[in-house]
Amino acid sequence: MKGISFFIIVNLVSILAKAASAAEHHGNENEIPRVVLYQAINVIIIFAVGAYYGRQKIVEFFGTKKTQFLQAQEKAQSILRIAEQEHHEVKTRLDKLKLTKNESISKAKTDANDMRTQMLQEAQARALKIKEEAQMSAKIEIERAKFNLKQQAVKEAFELSKRDLSSKATSDDQKKLQDDFISKVQVVQ
């Protein structure tokens, strides 16, 4: 294609140069010199031959360019549709996030309050359980202390009674006490 264009340009320049020199030699300016006519006929023949033989290549060239252009246009439109769809999806998600922002914040606050309430209830239940266990332990310790004190009081009373009885009681009193004891034990059995 470039070769044909170069050939045509060279011929046109040479034709113009010959026409100019022929006009100078023929003094009549209104008349077209014969050389220019022949050259014009030659140019027309060259264009006709180039169009006849190069027509198929020209048609193929521009057909290929048209196909490439249409493919590039279709690809660009496809990319544009995909980009518009992604833009729409992102915009939709962003709008949804904006709309649900307050709802999400209030839900998070509600969840936090619920968790706080549940934790407080659990803490109160544990504190109550610990308090009950402490009270039970205190009661057990008090009962144990009372039992120990009673045993100690009985022991000391017994010892004191034994000392008093041995020092104040006579042998007749002791015999009488022993008889009373034996009779009471027999009644119990």
C-alpha atoms as a PDB file:
ATOM      1  CA  MET A   1       0.000   0.000   0.000  1.00  0.00           C
ATOM      2  CA  LYS A   2       2.824   2.394   0.864  1.00  0.00           C
ATOM      3  CA  GLY A   3       4.580   1.518  -2.391  1.00  0.00           C
ATOM      4  CA  ILE A   4       1.508   2.423  -4.453  1.00  0.00           C
ATOM      5  CA  SER A   5       1.092   5.738  -2.626  1.00  0.00           C
ATOM      6  CA  PHE A   6       4.759   6.595  -3.126  1.00  0.00           C
ATOM      7  CA  PHE A   7       4.533   5.695  -6.836  1.00  0.00           C
ATOM      8  CA  ILE A   8       1.445   7.893  -7.323  1.00  0.00           C
ATOM      9  CA  ILE A   9       3.027  10.870  -5.544  1.00  0.00           C
ATOM     10  CA  VAL A  10       6.214  10.615  -7.617  1.00  0.00           C
ATOM     11  CA  ASN A  11       4.204  10.474 -10.849  1.00  0.00           C
ATOM     12  CA  LEU A  12       2.057  13.442  -9.856  1.00  0.00           C
ATOM     13  CA  VAL A  13       5.117  15.551  -9.026  1.00  0.00           C
ATOM     14  CA  SER A  14       6.769  14.643 -12.304  1.00  0.00           C
ATOM     15  CA  ILE A  15       3.560  15.410 -14.213  1.00  0.00           C
ATOM     16  CA  LEU A  16       3.309  18.828 -12.597  1.00  0.00           C
ATOM     17  CA  ALA A  17       6.957  19.554 -13.373  1.00  0.00           C
ATOM     18  CA  LYS A  18       6.541  18.592 -17.038  1.00  0.00           C
ATOM     19  CA  ALA A  19       3.329  20.609 -17.289  1.00  0.00           C
ATOM     20  CA  ALA A  20       5.058  23.654 -15.917  1.00  0.00           C
ATOM     21  CA  SER A  21       7.994  23.340 -18.326  1.00  0.00           C
ATOM     22  CA  ALA A  22       5.644  22.744 -21.255  1.00  0.00           C
ATOM     23  CA  ALA A  23       3.633  25.847 -20.408  1.00  0.00           C
ATOM     24  CA  GLU A  24       6.766  27.943 -20.475  1.00  0.00           C
ATOM     25  CA  HIS A  25       7.726  26.660 -23.915  1.00  0.00           C
ATOM     26  CA  HIS A  26       4.325  27.213 -25.470  1.00  0.00           C
ATOM     27  CA  GLY A  27       3.534  30.796 -24.937  1.00  0.00           C
ATOM     28  CA  ASN A  28      -0.257  30.310 -24.882  1.00  0.00           C
ATOM     29  CA  GLU A  29      -1.416  30.071 -21.309  1.00  0.00           C
ATOM     30  CA  ASN A  30      -5.087  29.309 -21.958  1.00  0.00           C
ATOM     31  CA  GLU A  31      -4.395  26.172 -23.872  1.00  0.00           C
ATOM     32  CA  ILE A  32      -3.629  22.867 -22.094  1.00  0.00           C
ATOM     33  CA  PRO A  33      -0.467  21.368 -23.464  1.00  0.00           C
ATOM     34  CA  ARG A  34      -0.633  17.905 -24.968  1.00  0.00           C
ATOM     35  CA  VAL A  35       1.959  16.538 -22.597  1.00  0.00           C
ATOM     36  CA  VAL A  36      -0.296  17.336 -19.648  1.00  0.00           C
ATOM     37  CA  LEU A  37      -3.149  15.525 -21.343  1.00  0.00           C
ATOM     38  CA  TYR A  38      -0.981  12.478 -21.924  1.00  0.00           C
ATOM     39  CA  GLN A  39       0.275  12.595 -18.391  1.00  0.00           C
ATOM     40  CA  ALA A  40      -3.283  12.902 -17.028  1.00  0.00           C
ATOM     41  CA  ILE A  41      -4.300   9.912 -19.129  1.00  0.00           C
ATOM     42  CA  ASN A  42      -1.288   8.002 -17.745  1.00  0.00           C
ATOM     43  CA  VAL A  43      -2.260   8.885 -14.181  1.00  0.00           C
ATOM     44  CA  ILE A  44      -5.837   7.790 -14.796  1.00  0.00           C
ATOM     45  CA  ILE A  45      -4.593   4.505 -16.270  1.00  0.00           C
ATOM     46  CA  ILE A  46      -2.272   3.979 -13.282  1.00  0.00           C
ATOM     47  CA  PHE A  47      -5.127   4.614 -10.846  1.00  0.00           C
ATOM     48  CA  ALA A  48      -7.435   2.323 -12.805  1.00  0.00           C
ATOM     49  CA  VAL A  49      -4.827  -0.493 -12.918  1.00  0.00           C
ATOM     50  CA  GLY A  50      -3.999   0.022  -9.217  1.00  0.00           C
ATOM     51  CA  ALA A  51      -7.690  -0.024  -8.326  1.00  0.00           C
ATOM     52  CA  TYR A  52      -8.336  -3.104 -10.462  1.00  0.00           C
ATOM     53  CA  TYR A  53      -5.390  -5.179  -9.184  1.00  0.00           C
ATOM     54  CA  GLY A  54      -5.190  -3.718  -5.686  1.00  0.00           C
ATOM     55  CA  ARG A  55      -8.905  -3.615  -5.077  1.00  0.00           C
ATOM     56  CA  GLN A  56      -8.958  -7.043  -3.417  1.00  0.00           C
ATOM     57  CA  LYS A  57      -6.051  -6.155  -1.129  1.00  0.00           C
ATOM     58  CA  ILE A  58      -7.622  -2.797  -0.295  1.00  0.00           C
ATOM     59  CA  VAL A  59     -10.956  -4.423   0.459  1.00  0.00           C
ATOM     60  CA  GLU A  60      -9.203  -7.065   2.588  1.00  0.00           C
ATOM     61  CA  PHE A  61      -7.142  -4.415   4.375  1.00  0.00           C
ATOM     62  CA  PHE A  62     -10.125  -2.256   5.249  1.00  0.00           C
ATOM     63  CA  GLY A  63     -12.248  -5.334   6.020  1.00  0.00           C
ATOM     64  CA  THR A  64      -9.580  -6.544   8.479  1.00  0.00           C
ATOM     65  CA  LYS A  65      -9.382  -3.083  10.000  1.00  0.00           C
ATOM     66  CA  LYS A  66     -13.183  -2.991  10.285  1.00  0.00           C
ATOM     67  CA  THR A  67     -13.238  -6.433  11.945  1.00  0.00           C
ATOM     68  CA  GLN A  68     -10.462  -5.454  14.359  1.00  0.00           C
ATOM     69  CA  PHE A  69     -12.224  -2.214  15.140  1.00  0.00           C
ATOM     70  CA  LEU A  70     -15.561  -3.986  15.739  1.00  0.00           C
ATOM     71  CA  GLN A  71     -13.872  -6.590  17.958  1.00  0.00           C
ATOM     72  CA  ALA A  72     -12.092  -3.870  19.929  1.00  0.00           C
ATOM     73  CA  GLN A  73     -15.373  -1.948  20.218  1.00  0.00           C
ATOM     74  CA  GLU A  74     -17.238  -5.068  21.396  1.00  0.00           C
ATOM     75  CA  LYS A  75     -14.499  -5.856  23.916  1.00  0.00           C
ATOM     76  CA  ALA A  76     -14.554  -2.266  25.188  1.00  0.00           C
ATOM     77  CA  GLN A  77     -18.344  -2.382  25.515  1.00  0.00           C
ATOM     78  CA  SER A  78     -18.114  -5.695  27.369  1.00  0.00           C
ATOM     79  CA  ILE A  79     -15.516  -4.264  29.750  1.00  0.00           C
ATOM     80  CA  LEU A  80     -17.672  -1.164  30.167  1.00  0.00           C
ATOM     81  CA  ARG A  81     -20.740  -3.295  31.023  1.00  0.00           C
ATOM     82  CA  ILE A  82     -18.727  -5.321  33.544  1.00  0.00           C
ATOM     83  CA  ALA A  83     -17.297  -2.146  35.086  1.00  0.00           C
ATOM     84  CA  GLU A  84     -20.754  -0.567  35.267  1.00  0.00           C
ATOM     85  CA  GLN A  85     -22.156  -3.733  36.862  1.00  0.00           C
ATOM     86  CA  GLU A  86     -19.334  -3.843  39.442  1.00  0.00           C
ATOM     87  CA  HIS A  87     -19.813  -0.128  40.086  1.00  0.00           C
ATOM     88  CA  HIS A  88     -23.532  -0.715  40.604  1.00  0.00           C
ATOM     89  CA  GLU A  89     -22.855  -3.643  42.988  1.00  0.00           C
ATOM     90  CA  VAL A  90     -20.342  -1.621  44.998  1.00  0.00           C
ATOM     91  CA  LYS A  91     -22.705   1.336  45.117  1.00  0.00           C
ATOM     92  CA  THR A  92     -25.561  -0.941  46.237  1.00  0.00           C
ATOM     93  CA  ARG A  93     -23.424  -2.470  48.996  1.00  0.00           C
ATOM     94  CA  LEU A  94     -22.251   0.958  50.078  1.00  0.00           C
ATOM     95  CA  ASP A  95     -25.833   2.264  50.189  1.00  0.00           C
ATOM     96  CA  LYS A  96     -26.891  -0.825  52.141  1.00  0.00           C
ATOM     97  CA  LEU A  97     -24.049  -0.288  54.604  1.00  0.00           C
ATOM     98  CA  LYS A  98     -25.051   3.355  54.971  1.00  0.00           C
ATOM     99  CA  LEU A  99     -28.670   2.389  55.557  1.00  0.00           C
ATOM    100  CA  THR A 100     -27.853  -0.366  58.035  1.00  0.00           C
ATOM    101  CA  LYS A 101     -25.139   1.597  59.834  1.00  0.00           C
ATOM    102  CA  ASN A 102     -27.468   2.907  62.547  1.00  0.00           C
ATOM    103  CA  GLU A 103     -29.193  -0.463  62.793  1.00  0.00           C
ATOM    104  CA  SER A 104     -25.842  -2.227  63.176  1.00  0.00           C
ATOM    105  CA  ILE A 105     -24.722   0.247  65.824  1.00  0.00           C
ATOM    106  CA  SER A 106     -27.976  -0.106  67.766  1.00  0.00           C
ATOM    107  CA  LYS A 107     -27.790  -3.905  67.466  1.00  0.00           C
ATOM    108  CA  ALA A 108     -24.228  -3.853  68.773  1.00  0.00           C
ATOM    109  CA  LYS A 109     -25.319  -1.643  71.682  1.00  0.00           C
ATOM    110  CA  THR A 110     -28.258  -3.947  72.424  1.00  0.00           C
ATOM    111  CA  ASP A 111     -25.987  -6.985  72.303  1.00  0.00           C
ATOM    112  CA  ALA A 112     -23.504  -5.254  74.612  1.00  0.00           C
ATOM    113  CA  ASN A 113     -26.289  -4.329  77.056  1.00  0.00           C
ATOM    114  CA  ASP A 114     -27.626  -7.893  76.964  1.00  0.00           C
ATOM    115  CA  MET A 115     -24.160  -9.271  77.636  1.00  0.00           C
ATOM    116  CA  ARG A 116     -23.643  -6.778  80.457  1.00  0.00           C
ATOM    117  CA  THR A 117     -27.001  -7.718  82.010  1.00  0.00           C
ATOM    118  CA  GLN A 118     -26.228 -11.417  81.695  1.00  0.00           C
ATOM    119  CA  MET A 119     -22.773 -10.935  83.227  1.00  0.00           C
ATOM    120  CA  LEU A 120     -24.277  -8.944  86.108  1.00  0.00           C
ATOM    121  CA  GLN A 121     -26.872 -11.665  86.709  1.00  0.00           C
ATOM    122  CA  GLU A 122     -24.187 -14.333  86.675  1.00  0.00           C
ATOM    123  CA  ALA A 123     -22.025 -12.288  89.052  1.00  0.00           C
ATOM    124  CA  GLN A 124     -24.978 -11.754  91.400  1.00  0.00           C
ATOM    125  CA  ALA A 125     -25.819 -15.471  91.307  1.00  0.00           C
ATOM    126  CA  ARG A 126     -22.201 -16.357  92.088  1.00  0.00           C
ATOM    127  CA  ALA A 127     -22.060 -13.786  94.890  1.00  0.00           C
ATOM    128  CA  LEU A 128     -25.308 -15.170  96.354  1.00  0.00           C
ATOM    129  CA  LYS A 129     -23.972 -18.724  96.126  1.00  0.00           C
ATOM    130  CA  ILE A 130     -20.691 -17.692  97.788  1.00  0.00           C
ATOM    131  CA  LYS A 131     -22.666 -15.865 100.495  1.00  0.00           C
ATOM    132  CA  GLU A 132     -24.858 -18.943 101.116  1.00  0.00           C
ATOM    133  CA  GLU A 133     -21.796 -21.192 101.251  1.00  0.00           C
ATOM    134  CA  ALA A 134     -20.129 -18.786 103.695  1.00  0.00           C
ATOM    135  CA  GLN A 135     -23.254 -18.743 105.874  1.00  0.00           C
ATOM    136  CA  MET A 136     -23.409 -22.541 105.819  1.00  0.00           C
ATOM    137  CA  SER A 137     -19.728 -22.764 106.698  1.00  0.00           C
ATOM    138  CA  ALA A 138     -20.245 -20.250 109.506  1.00  0.00           C
ATOM    139  CA  LYS A 139     -23.230 -22.244 110.866  1.00  0.00           C
ATOM    140  CA  ILE A 140     -21.229 -25.463 110.736  1.00  0.00           C
ATOM    141  CA  GLU A 141     -18.320 -23.812 112.523  1.00  0.00           C
ATOM    142  CA  ILE A 142     -20.666 -22.323 115.132  1.00  0.00           C
ATOM    143  CA  GLU A 143     -22.296 -25.712 115.695  1.00  0.00           C
ATOM    144  CA  ARG A 144     -18.887 -27.362 115.957  1.00  0.00           C
ATOM    145  CA  ALA A 145     -17.722 -24.687 118.401  1.00  0.00           C
ATOM    146  CA  LYS A 146     -20.935 -25.141 120.440  1.00  0.00           C
ATOM    147  CA  PHE A 147     -20.456 -28.903 120.438  1.00  0.00           C
ATOM    148  CA  ASN A 148     -16.829 -28.525 121.529  1.00  0.00           C
ATOM    149  CA  LEU A 149     -17.854 -26.055 124.217  1.00  0.00           C
ATOM    150  CA  LYS A 150     -20.609 -28.412 125.448  1.00  0.00           C
ATOM    151  CA  GLN A 151     -18.203 -31.325 125.534  1.00  0.00           C
ATOM    152  CA  GLN A 152     -15.656 -29.250 127.352  1.00  0.00           C
ATOM    153  CA  ALA A 153     -18.322 -27.920 129.759  1.00  0.00           C
ATOM    154  CA  VAL A 154     -19.591 -31.465 130.413  1.00  0.00           C
ATOM    155  CA  LYS A 155     -16.071 -32.697 130.904  1.00  0.00           C
ATOM    156  CA  GLU A 156     -15.230 -29.870 133.266  1.00  0.00           C
ATOM    157  CA  ALA A 157     -18.545 -30.287 135.085  1.00  0.00           C
ATOM    158  CA  PHE A 158     -17.893 -33.993 135.398  1.00  0.00           C
ATOM    159  CA  GLU A 159     -14.413 -33.345 136.709  1.00  0.00           C
ATOM    160  CA  LEU A 160     -15.686 -30.705 139.075  1.00  0.00           C
ATOM    161  CA  SER A 161     -18.521 -32.941 140.227  1.00  0.00           C
ATOM    162  CA  LYS A 162     -16.118 -35.798 140.696  1.00  0.00           C
ATOM    163  CA  ARG A 163     -13.852 -33.643 142.820  1.00  0.00           C
ATOM    164  CA  ASP A 164     -16.760 -32.273 144.798  1.00  0.00           C
ATOM    165  CA  LEU A 165     -18.260 -35.685 145.287  1.00  0.00           C
ATOM    166  CA  SER A 166     -15.019 -37.293 146.317  1.00  0.00           C
ATOM    167  CA  SER A 167     -14.253 -34.543 148.753  1.00  0.00           C
ATOM    168  CA  LYS A 168     -17.765 -34.036 150.208  1.00  0.00           C
ATOM    169  CA  ALA A 169     -19.465 -37.353 149.752  1.00  0.00           C
ATOM    170  CA  THR A 170     -19.263 -40.012 152.360  1.00  0.00           C
ATOM    171  CA  SER A 171     -19.051 -43.681 151.654  1.00  0.00           C
ATOM    172  CA  ASP A 172     -22.807 -44.072 152.313  1.00  0.00           C
ATOM    173  CA  ASP A 173     -23.563 -41.283 149.800  1.00  0.00           C
ATOM    174  CA  GLN A 174     -21.345 -42.927 147.235  1.00  0.00           C
ATOM    175  CA  LYS A 175     -23.023 -46.291 147.752  1.00  0.00           C
ATOM    176  CA  LYS A 176     -26.444 -44.654 147.384  1.00  0.00           C
ATOM    177  CA  LEU A 177     -25.350 -42.876 144.173  1.00  0.00           C
ATOM    178  CA  GLN A 178     -24.037 -46.106 142.744  1.00  0.00           C
ATOM    179  CA  ASP A 179     -27.279 -47.887 143.518  1.00  0.00           C
ATOM    180  CA  ASP A 180     -29.280 -45.060 141.897  1.00  0.00           C
ATOM    181  CA  PHE A 181     -27.050 -45.230 138.849  1.00  0.00           C
ATOM    182  CA  ILE A 182     -27.428 -48.990 138.525  1.00  0.00           C
ATOM    183  CA  SER A 183     -31.205 -48.761 138.869  1.00  0.00           C
ATOM    184  CA  LYS A 184     -31.461 -46.026 136.252  1.00  0.00           C
ATOM    185  CA  VAL A 185     -29.258 -47.989 133.829  1.00  0.00           C
ATOM    186  CA  GLN A 186     -31.466 -51.054 134.280  1.00  0.00           C
ATOM    187  CA  VAL A 187     -34.616 -49.018 133.626  1.00  0.00           C
ATOM    188  CA  VAL A 188     -33.081 -47.632 130.417  1.00  0.00           C
ATOM    189  CA  GLN A 189     -32.163 -51.092 129.178  1.00  0.00           C
END
